[in-house]
C-alpha atoms as a PDB file:
ATOM      1  CA  MET A   1     -73.507 -10.040-134.891  1.00  0.00           C
ATOM      2  CA  ALA A   2     -71.263  -7.306-133.623  1.00  0.00           C
ATOM      3  CA  GLN A   3     -68.585  -8.238-131.169  1.00  0.00           C
ATOM      4  CA  PRO A   4     -68.267  -6.227-127.941  1.00  0.00           C
ATOM      5  CA  PHE A   5     -65.438  -3.726-128.000  1.00  0.00           C
ATOM      6  CA  SER A   6     -62.648  -4.403-125.536  1.00  0.00           C
ATOM      7  CA  PRO A   7     -59.342  -2.562-125.668  1.00  0.00           C
ATOM      8  CA  SER A   8     -56.268  -4.694-126.115  1.00  0.00           C
ATOM      9  CA  HIS A   9     -54.456  -2.788-123.381  1.00  0.00           C
ATOM     10  CA  GLU A  10     -55.490  -0.969-120.242  1.00  0.00           C
ATOM     11  CA  VAL A  11     -55.316   2.814-120.174  1.00  0.00           C
ATOM     12  CA  PRO A  12     -53.032   3.890-117.328  1.00  0.00           C
ATOM     13  CA  ALA A  13     -54.539   6.078-114.630  1.00  0.00           C
ATOM     14  CA  VAL A  14     -51.431   8.284-114.534  1.00  0.00           C
ATOM     15  CA  LEU A  15     -51.844  11.681-116.171  1.00  0.00           C
ATOM     16  CA  SER A  16     -49.628  12.473-119.118  1.00  0.00           C
ATOM     17  CA  PRO A  17     -47.098  15.300-118.602  1.00  0.00           C
ATOM     18  CA  ALA A  18     -49.131  17.713-120.743  1.00  0.00           C
ATOM     19  CA  ARG A  19     -52.322  17.048-118.771  1.00  0.00           C
ATOM     20  CA  ARG A  20     -50.418  17.275-115.490  1.00  0.00           C
ATOM     21  CA  ALA A  21     -48.997  20.670-116.495  1.00  0.00           C
ATOM     22  CA  GLY A  22     -52.469  21.860-117.464  1.00  0.00           C
ATOM     23  CA  ALA A  23     -53.831  20.751-114.105  1.00  0.00           C
ATOM     24  CA  VAL A  24     -51.039  22.584-112.281  1.00  0.00           C
ATOM     25  CA  VAL A  25     -51.717  25.767-114.257  1.00  0.00           C
ATOM     26  CA  ALA A  26     -55.452  25.529-113.550  1.00  0.00           C
ATOM     27  CA  ILE A  27     -54.873  25.005-109.823  1.00  0.00           C
ATOM     28  CA  ALA A  28     -52.387  27.896-109.710  1.00  0.00           C
ATOM     29  CA  ALA A  29     -54.821  30.200-111.532  1.00  0.00           C
ATOM     30  CA  ALA A  30     -57.616  29.241-109.152  1.00  0.00           C
ATOM     31  CA  GLY A  31     -55.349  29.908-106.163  1.00  0.00           C
ATOM     32  CA  LEU A  32     -54.305  33.282-107.527  1.00  0.00           C
ATOM     33  CA  GLY A  33     -57.921  34.213-108.207  1.00  0.00           C
ATOM     34  CA  ALA A  34     -58.929  33.198-104.690  1.00  0.00           C
ATOM     35  CA  ALA A  35     -56.064  35.243-103.221  1.00  0.00           C
ATOM     36  CA  LEU A  36     -57.116  38.319-105.220  1.00  0.00           C
ATOM     37  CA  VAL A  37     -60.732  37.995-104.139  1.00  0.00           C
ATOM     38  CA  LEU A  38     -59.698  37.486-100.511  1.00  0.00           C
ATOM     39  CA  GLY A  39     -57.417  40.527-100.670  1.00  0.00           C
ATOM     40  CA  ALA A  40     -60.186  42.658-102.156  1.00  0.00           C
ATOM     41  CA  LEU A  41     -62.593  41.547 -99.433  1.00  0.00           C
ATOM     42  CA  ILE A  42     -60.077  42.352 -96.705  1.00  0.00           C
ATOM     43  CA  LEU A  43     -59.469  45.820 -98.176  1.00  0.00           C
ATOM     44  CA  TRP A  44     -63.231  46.340 -98.545  1.00  0.00           C
ATOM     45  CA  VAL A  45     -63.769  45.545 -94.861  1.00  0.00           C
ATOM     46  CA  ARG A  46     -60.793  47.697 -93.800  1.00  0.00           C
ATOM     47  CA  TYR A  47     -61.421  50.823 -95.885  1.00  0.00           C
ATOM     48  CA  GLY A  48     -65.098  50.587 -96.735  1.00  0.00           C
ATOM     49  CA  THR A  49     -67.007  50.744 -99.962  1.00  0.00           C
ATOM     50  CA  THR A  50     -66.246  54.407-100.630  1.00  0.00           C
ATOM     51  CA  VAL A  51     -62.628  53.693-101.544  1.00  0.00           C
ATOM     52  CA  PHE A  52     -63.609  51.050-104.076  1.00  0.00           C
ATOM     53  CA  PHE A  53     -66.299  53.164-105.682  1.00  0.00           C
ATOM     54  CA  GLU A  54     -63.892  56.134-105.887  1.00  0.00           C
ATOM     55  CA  MET A  55     -61.243  53.927-107.521  1.00  0.00           C
ATOM     56  CA  ILE A  56     -63.734  52.633-110.090  1.00  0.00           C
ATOM     57  CA  ALA A  57     -65.002  56.144-110.808  1.00  0.00           C
ATOM     58  CA  SER A  58     -61.480  57.544-111.213  1.00  0.00           C
ATOM     59  CA  GLY A  59     -60.524  54.626-113.479  1.00  0.00           C
ATOM     60  CA  ILE A  60     -63.520  55.206-115.720  1.00  0.00           C
ATOM     61  CA  ALA A  61     -62.816  58.955-115.768  1.00  0.00           C
ATOM     62  CA  ALA A  62     -59.186  58.276-116.762  1.00  0.00           C
ATOM     63  CA  CYS A  63     -60.349  56.214-119.733  1.00  0.00           C
ATOM     64  CA  PHE A  64     -62.454  59.048-121.121  1.00  0.00           C
END
C-alpha cells in the first residue's frame, strides 16, 4: 500500500524576498491605477464630459 505523503520539514509562512518584491510591485501598481482612475473621475466631474471627448477626438486625429 502507498504511504501517506508528509513533508520532512514545515514550509515557513514567511514570503521569500522575490515573492515579497512581487507583492510590493503589484500593490504599488494597483495604487497607481486607483490614483489615475480617481484623478480622471475628479477631472470628469470638474470639467465635464466634453473635455474628455475632445481630448480623445484630438488624439485620434493626431494619429491619422
